[in-house]
Amino acid sequence: MRIRDVVVDPPLILAPMEGVTDLTFRRLVRRIGGCGMTTTEFIPAFGLAQNLERARALAAFDADEHPIAVQVYGRDPALLAEGARVAEALGADIVDLNMGCPSKKVCAHSGGSSLLREPELARSIVVAMRRALKVPFTVKMRSGWDAGQRNAPEIARMCQEEGVEAVTVHWRTRADGYGGERDLATVAEVKRRLSIPVVCNGDVVDAASARSSLEQTGADALMIGRGAVRNPWVFREIEAALAGRPGPVVDHDERERVLVDYFLAIREVFQSDHGALGRWKKISRYFTEGVPGGERLKERVLHSGTVEEALEAVRTFFSELRRGAYAGG
């Protein structure tokens, strides 16, 4: 897939996730492979515009991390335009506008998916950001605010008219949160109405869900979020499946190595073991899904009082796993 001159190959994109898709996690995904483009956590545009240290840290990426999209959010067109300029100056290949985040904190300030309820404000923002940018400009949105207002096709069409070069549509509405009944019809309708690339997002967790999402929507690419946290090999699995090749074999040794290395990498970037342990506990909820006995590993990590205890819990668990302790699930 091409977004103007940016090639996304394979057409698989890491979704922006608050507190997850930081530089450390994106490095993990890139090392494993199969991801065509990474995206930062969503960043408040005013933070970039005001040169706040926290915002610039969120926008940091490796010199060889290309293509990279920097995602911003907010409600003020001028601040969003300035934040976009800063993101471009930092070296972003693409600047993305967040119209999809369902969090109460973001929506309370009329950012994220709340913009779907304010189409004129959304247009003003898109126009201001497009004028500010030289690099490709994209927008990520949900299918609508709720089941009675699935207006992504209209908002996406407006985006295309104002110069946006690709849109990502999550099949969920804002009211769905992280639940809801899977319905790809709105994504398919967006694809029918637009000539720019359309990316499908939502519950892409393996090769089967990837194929069905592409078949049902006709989308040009897929964006993967929580599925990548649960299984960071998912990009390689899907890439191989779409190319007709066998996927990677991920054994217990590989899972342990990746998890321990990732934990240690997190420890290096946090200023305290307390902060690192907190992040480990958050991530362990995802990493352990689908692993035999994974619920027990999650509980051990969550109840660890120190980094050393958490590491020992991981190593002990995988030692037990190799001995067949959880063969029954």
Protein backbone atom coordinates (compact mmCIF):
# COMPACT_ATOMS: atom_id res chain seq x y z
CA MET A 1 0.00 0.00 0.00
CA ARG A 2 1.15 3.52 -0.80
CA ILE A 3 0.18 6.66 1.07
CA ARG A 4 1.44 9.16 -1.47
CA ASP A 5 5.19 8.37 -1.51
CA VAL A 6 5.21 6.30 1.70
CA VAL A 7 5.26 2.56 1.01
CA VAL A 8 3.66 0.36 3.67
CA ASP A 9 4.89 -3.15 2.94
CA PRO A 10 3.51 -5.48 4.13
CA PRO A 11 0.19 -3.60 4.48
CA LEU A 12 0.08 -4.22 8.22
CA ILE A 13 0.25 -1.30 10.66
CA LEU A 14 0.81 -1.22 14.41
CA ALA A 15 -2.04 0.76 16.00
CA PRO A 16 -1.45 3.63 18.43
CA MET A 17 -2.16 2.50 22.00
CA GLU A 18 -1.75 4.68 25.08
CA GLY A 19 0.81 3.30 27.50
CA VAL A 20 1.72 0.48 25.10
CA THR A 21 3.15 1.57 21.75
CA ASP A 22 6.07 3.46 23.20
CA LEU A 23 9.53 3.21 21.69
CA THR A 24 10.35 0.04 23.64
CA PHE A 25 7.31 -1.88 22.42
CA ARG A 26 7.74 -0.67 18.85
CA ARG A 27 11.33 -1.91 18.92
CA LEU A 28 10.04 -5.32 20.02
CA VAL A 29 7.58 -5.48 17.13
CA ARG A 30 10.20 -4.36 14.62
CA ARG A 31 12.70 -6.97 15.83
CA ILE A 32 10.16 -9.75 15.38
CA GLY A 33 9.19 -8.43 11.94
CA GLY A 34 6.22 -8.43 9.60
CA CYS A 35 4.99 -4.92 10.43
CA GLY A 36 4.86 -2.47 7.54
CA MET A 37 4.51 0.72 9.61
CA THR A 38 4.54 1.67 13.28
CA THR A 39 2.55 4.41 15.02
CA THR A 40 3.34 6.33 18.19
CA GLU A 41 1.04 6.58 21.16
CA PHE A 42 -1.45 9.39 20.65
CA ILE A 43 0.08 12.71 21.67
CA PRO A 44 -1.69 15.91 22.77
CA ALA A 45 -1.06 18.47 20.04
CA PHE A 46 -0.72 21.29 22.57
CA GLY A 47 2.17 19.41 24.17
CA LEU A 48 4.08 19.32 20.90
CA ALA A 49 3.12 22.91 20.09
CA GLN A 50 4.41 24.07 23.48
CA ASN A 51 7.53 21.90 23.26
CA LEU A 52 6.70 19.99 26.43
CA GLU A 53 9.26 17.34 27.32
CA ARG A 54 6.66 14.60 27.86
CA ALA A 55 5.10 15.16 24.43
CA ARG A 56 8.45 15.16 22.64
CA ALA A 57 9.39 11.95 24.46
CA LEU A 58 6.20 10.30 23.21
CA ALA A 59 7.09 11.37 19.67
CA ALA A 60 10.63 9.96 19.81
CA PHE A 61 11.56 7.18 17.42
CA ASP A 62 14.70 5.41 16.23
CA ALA A 63 16.66 6.71 13.27
CA ASP A 64 15.89 3.51 11.35
CA GLU A 65 12.22 3.35 12.35
CA HIS A 66 10.62 4.16 9.04
CA PRO A 67 7.91 4.48 7.98
CA ILE A 68 6.63 5.94 11.25
CA ALA A 69 3.35 7.78 11.84
CA VAL A 70 3.07 10.27 14.70
CA GLN A 71 -0.51 10.56 15.94
CA VAL A 72 -1.85 13.73 17.56
CA TYR A 73 -5.16 14.63 19.16
CA GLY A 74 -7.02 17.70 20.39
CA ARG A 75 -9.85 20.08 19.45
CA ASP A 76 -8.13 23.38 18.61
CA PRO A 77 -7.35 23.66 14.88
CA ALA A 78 -4.45 26.07 15.39
CA LEU A 79 -2.82 23.95 18.09
CA LEU A 80 -3.31 20.79 16.05
CA ALA A 81 -1.74 22.48 13.02
CA GLU A 82 1.25 23.57 15.08
CA GLY A 83 1.57 20.14 16.70
CA ALA A 84 1.52 18.60 13.23
CA ARG A 85 4.31 20.93 12.09
CA VAL A 86 6.42 19.89 15.07
CA ALA A 87 5.79 16.19 14.39
CA GLU A 88 6.88 16.70 10.77
CA ALA A 89 9.99 18.59 11.88
CA LEU A 90 10.89 15.69 14.17
CA GLY A 91 10.99 13.44 11.10
CA ALA A 92 7.59 11.76 10.99
CA ASP A 93 6.85 10.13 7.64
CA ILE A 94 3.11 10.58 8.26
CA VAL A 95 1.10 12.69 10.71
CA ASP A 96 -2.16 11.09 11.83
CA LEU A 97 -5.16 12.76 13.47
CA ASN A 98 -6.90 10.81 16.23
CA MET A 99 -10.68 10.76 15.73
CA GLY A 100 -11.00 7.31 17.22
CA CYS A 101 -9.95 7.26 20.86
CA PRO A 102 -12.97 6.39 23.05
CA SER A 103 -11.43 7.35 26.41
CA LYS A 104 -13.49 9.67 28.60
CA LYS A 105 -10.44 11.84 29.28
CA VAL A 106 -9.80 12.51 25.60
CA CYS A 107 -13.46 12.83 24.64
CA ALA A 108 -14.10 15.22 27.53
CA HIS A 109 -11.79 17.68 25.82
CA SER A 110 -13.53 17.10 22.47
CA GLY A 111 -10.70 15.08 21.05
CA GLY A 112 -10.65 11.54 19.72
CA SER A 113 -13.98 10.05 18.70
CA SER A 114 -15.97 13.01 20.07
CA LEU A 115 -15.04 14.85 16.85
CA LEU A 116 -17.40 12.49 15.02
CA ARG A 117 -20.23 14.43 16.69
CA GLU A 118 -18.83 17.77 15.54
CA PRO A 119 -18.33 17.45 11.78
CA GLU A 120 -17.78 21.17 11.17
CA LEU A 121 -15.09 21.34 13.85
CA ALA A 122 -13.59 18.15 12.41
CA ARG A 123 -13.46 19.79 8.98
CA SER A 124 -11.80 22.92 10.38
CA ILE A 125 -9.15 20.77 12.06
CA VAL A 126 -8.50 18.73 8.93
CA VAL A 127 -8.17 21.88 6.81
CA ALA A 128 -5.76 23.51 9.27
CA MET A 129 -3.57 20.42 9.58
CA ARG A 130 -3.50 19.82 5.84
CA ARG A 131 -2.29 23.38 5.25
CA ALA A 132 0.41 22.95 7.89
CA LEU A 133 1.85 19.71 6.55
CA LYS A 134 4.08 18.74 3.66
CA VAL A 135 4.25 15.04 4.58
CA PRO A 136 1.26 12.73 4.07
CA PHE A 137 -1.68 13.33 6.39
CA THR A 138 -4.00 10.55 7.59
CA VAL A 139 -6.95 10.22 9.96
CA LYS A 140 -7.99 7.36 12.26
CA MET A 141 -11.64 7.14 13.32
CA ARG A 142 -14.28 4.85 14.72
CA SER A 143 -17.37 3.91 12.70
CA GLY A 144 -19.38 6.49 14.63
CA TRP A 145 -20.35 7.75 18.06
CA ASP A 146 -22.97 5.04 18.65
CA ALA A 147 -25.13 2.58 16.75
CA GLY A 148 -27.51 5.35 15.73
CA GLN A 149 -24.76 7.55 14.38
CA ARG A 150 -22.37 5.52 12.25
CA ASN A 151 -21.21 8.50 10.24
CA ALA A 152 -17.68 7.38 9.39
CA PRO A 153 -18.50 7.24 5.65
CA GLU A 154 -19.50 10.92 5.66
CA ILE A 155 -16.57 12.03 7.84
CA ALA A 156 -14.12 9.99 5.78
CA ARG A 157 -15.47 11.50 2.56
CA MET A 158 -14.98 14.98 4.02
CA CYS A 159 -11.42 14.05 4.96
CA GLN A 160 -10.68 12.95 1.41
CA GLU A 161 -12.18 16.16 0.00
CA GLU A 162 -9.92 18.24 2.26
CA GLY A 163 -6.71 16.45 1.27
CA VAL A 164 -6.35 13.56 3.73
CA GLU A 165 -4.40 10.79 2.00
CA ALA A 166 -5.61 7.69 3.87
CA VAL A 167 -8.11 6.86 6.59
CA THR A 168 -8.23 4.09 9.17
CA VAL A 169 -11.67 2.99 10.36
CA HIS A 170 -12.28 0.88 13.45
CA TRP A 171 -15.54 -1.05 13.13
CA ARG A 172 -16.53 -0.23 16.72
CA THR A 173 -18.41 2.91 17.68
CA ARG A 174 -17.32 5.03 20.59
CA ALA A 175 -20.22 3.61 22.63
CA ASP A 176 -18.92 0.09 21.99
CA GLY A 177 -15.73 0.83 23.92
CA TYR A 178 -13.76 -2.40 23.55
CA GLY A 179 -16.84 -4.61 23.18
CA GLY A 180 -19.71 -4.65 20.74
CA GLU A 181 -20.70 -7.10 18.04
CA ARG A 182 -18.27 -7.28 15.14
CA ASP A 183 -19.75 -5.44 12.16
CA LEU A 184 -17.53 -4.49 9.23
CA ALA A 185 -20.28 -3.01 7.05
CA THR A 186 -19.36 0.60 7.86
CA VAL A 187 -15.71 0.00 7.00
CA ALA A 188 -16.80 -1.54 3.70
CA GLU A 189 -19.01 1.47 2.98
CA VAL A 190 -16.10 3.83 3.60
CA LYS A 191 -14.01 1.84 1.16
CA ARG A 192 -16.77 2.03 -1.47
CA ARG A 193 -17.04 5.79 -1.18
CA LEU A 194 -13.34 6.71 -1.16
CA SER A 195 -10.53 6.60 -3.69
CA ILE A 196 -7.74 7.04 -1.11
CA PRO A 197 -6.42 4.03 0.82
CA VAL A 198 -8.65 2.69 3.60
CA VAL A 199 -7.23 0.74 6.54
CA CYS A 200 -9.43 -1.65 8.54
CA ASN A 201 -8.97 -1.80 12.32
CA GLY A 202 -10.55 -3.87 15.06
CA ASP A 203 -10.07 -7.43 16.38
CA VAL A 204 -7.45 -8.45 13.84
CA VAL A 205 -5.74 -11.07 15.97
CA ASP A 206 -4.60 -13.84 13.61
CA ALA A 207 -4.46 -14.91 9.97
CA ALA A 208 -8.13 -15.92 9.87
CA SER A 209 -9.43 -12.61 11.21
CA ALA A 210 -7.04 -10.76 8.88
CA ARG A 211 -8.37 -12.56 5.82
CA SER A 212 -12.01 -12.08 6.79
CA SER A 213 -11.46 -8.37 7.48
CA LEU A 214 -9.90 -7.84 4.08
CA GLU A 215 -12.52 -9.92 2.28
CA GLN A 216 -15.49 -8.24 3.96
CA THR A 217 -14.26 -4.67 3.59
CA GLY A 218 -11.98 -4.57 0.54
CA ALA A 219 -9.57 -2.53 2.68
CA ASP A 220 -6.08 -1.75 1.44
CA ALA A 221 -4.36 -2.57 4.74
CA LEU A 222 -4.96 -3.70 8.29
CA MET A 223 -4.16 -1.99 11.58
CA ILE A 224 -3.48 -4.22 14.57
CA GLY A 225 -3.62 -3.11 18.20
CA ARG A 226 -4.34 -5.36 21.15
CA GLY A 227 -3.73 -8.44 19.02
CA ALA A 228 -0.09 -7.37 18.73
CA VAL A 229 0.29 -7.02 22.50
CA ARG A 230 -1.13 -10.47 23.11
CA ASN A 231 0.95 -11.93 20.30
CA PRO A 232 3.79 -9.75 18.92
CA TRP A 233 4.41 -12.43 16.26
CA VAL A 234 0.97 -11.72 14.74
CA PHE A 235 2.40 -9.49 12.00
CA ARG A 236 4.71 -12.26 10.80
CA GLU A 237 1.88 -14.78 10.97
CA ILE A 238 -0.45 -12.62 8.88
CA GLU A 239 2.27 -11.58 6.44
CA ALA A 240 3.12 -15.23 5.82
CA ALA A 241 -0.54 -16.26 5.46
CA LEU A 242 -1.29 -13.52 2.93
CA ALA A 243 1.76 -14.57 0.93
CA GLY A 244 0.81 -18.26 1.09
CA ARG A 245 3.78 -19.20 3.29
CA PRO A 246 3.82 -21.12 6.58
CA GLY A 247 3.91 -18.88 9.61
CA PRO A 248 6.62 -18.70 12.28
CA VAL A 249 6.95 -21.44 14.86
CA VAL A 250 6.87 -19.81 18.29
CA ASP A 251 7.88 -22.23 21.04
CA HIS A 252 8.06 -21.73 24.80
CA ASP A 253 11.76 -20.80 24.66
CA GLU A 254 11.03 -18.03 22.17
CA ARG A 255 8.13 -16.67 24.22
CA GLU A 256 10.22 -16.62 27.37
CA ARG A 257 13.17 -14.95 25.64
CA VAL A 258 11.01 -12.21 24.12
CA LEU A 259 9.09 -11.55 27.33
CA VAL A 260 12.20 -11.38 29.52
CA ASP A 261 14.09 -9.21 27.01
CA TYR A 262 11.10 -6.88 26.78
CA PHE A 263 10.84 -6.62 30.56
CA LEU A 264 14.53 -5.79 30.80
CA ALA A 265 14.22 -3.19 28.05
CA ILE A 266 11.35 -1.53 29.95
CA ARG A 267 13.49 -1.51 33.10
CA GLU A 268 16.23 0.38 31.27
CA VAL A 269 13.97 3.28 30.25
CA PHE A 270 12.13 3.74 33.54
CA GLN A 271 13.70 5.87 36.24
CA SER A 272 12.67 3.44 38.96
CA ASP A 273 11.99 -0.26 39.34
CA HIS A 274 8.60 0.71 40.75
CA GLY A 275 7.62 2.30 37.43
CA ALA A 276 9.02 -0.60 35.43
CA LEU A 277 7.14 -3.13 37.55
CA GLY A 278 3.90 -1.22 37.02
CA ARG A 279 4.34 -1.38 33.26
CA TRP A 280 5.24 -5.09 33.44
CA LYS A 281 2.02 -5.79 35.32
CA LYS A 282 -0.03 -3.94 32.71
CA ILE A 283 1.62 -5.77 29.80
CA SER A 284 1.45 -9.19 31.47
CA ARG A 285 -2.35 -9.09 31.23
CA TYR A 286 -2.01 -9.24 27.45
CA PHE A 287 1.07 -11.40 26.95
CA THR A 288 -0.37 -14.28 28.93
CA GLU A 289 -3.63 -14.61 26.97
CA GLY A 290 -3.75 -17.80 24.94
CA VAL A 291 -0.71 -19.30 26.67
CA PRO A 292 -1.41 -22.58 28.51
CA GLY A 293 -1.58 -21.69 32.21
CA GLY A 294 -1.19 -18.01 31.30
CA GLU A 295 -3.69 -16.90 33.92
CA ARG A 296 -1.37 -18.26 36.61
CA LEU A 297 1.62 -16.38 35.20
CA LYS A 298 -0.43 -13.18 35.14
CA GLU A 299 -1.38 -13.64 38.79
CA ARG A 300 2.22 -14.28 39.80
CA VAL A 301 3.44 -11.14 38.05
CA LEU A 302 0.59 -9.03 39.42
CA HIS A 303 1.42 -10.14 42.95
CA SER A 304 5.16 -9.57 42.59
CA GLY A 305 6.53 -6.89 44.90
CA THR A 306 9.83 -6.36 43.07
CA VAL A 307 11.30 -6.61 39.61
CA GLU A 308 13.33 -9.63 40.70
CA GLU A 309 10.20 -11.43 41.89
CA ALA A 310 8.46 -10.77 38.57
CA LEU A 311 11.42 -12.02 36.56
CA GLU A 312 11.65 -15.15 38.70
CA ALA A 313 7.91 -15.70 38.23
CA VAL A 314 8.34 -15.59 34.45
CA ARG A 315 11.33 -17.94 34.43
CA THR A 316 9.69 -20.39 36.83
CA PHE A 317 6.47 -20.40 34.82
CA PHE A 318 8.18 -21.20 31.53
CA SER A 319 10.28 -23.90 33.21
CA GLU A 320 7.04 -25.48 34.41
CA LEU A 321 5.49 -25.05 30.98
CA ARG A 322 8.36 -26.93 29.30
CA ARG A 323 7.88 -29.76 31.78
CA GLY A 324 4.23 -30.02 30.72
CA ALA A 325 2.78 -28.64 33.95
CA TYR A 326 -0.03 -26.85 32.08
CA ALA A 327 -0.68 -29.35 29.31
CA GLY A 328 -4.34 -29.35 30.29
CA GLY A 329 -4.63 -25.56 29.92
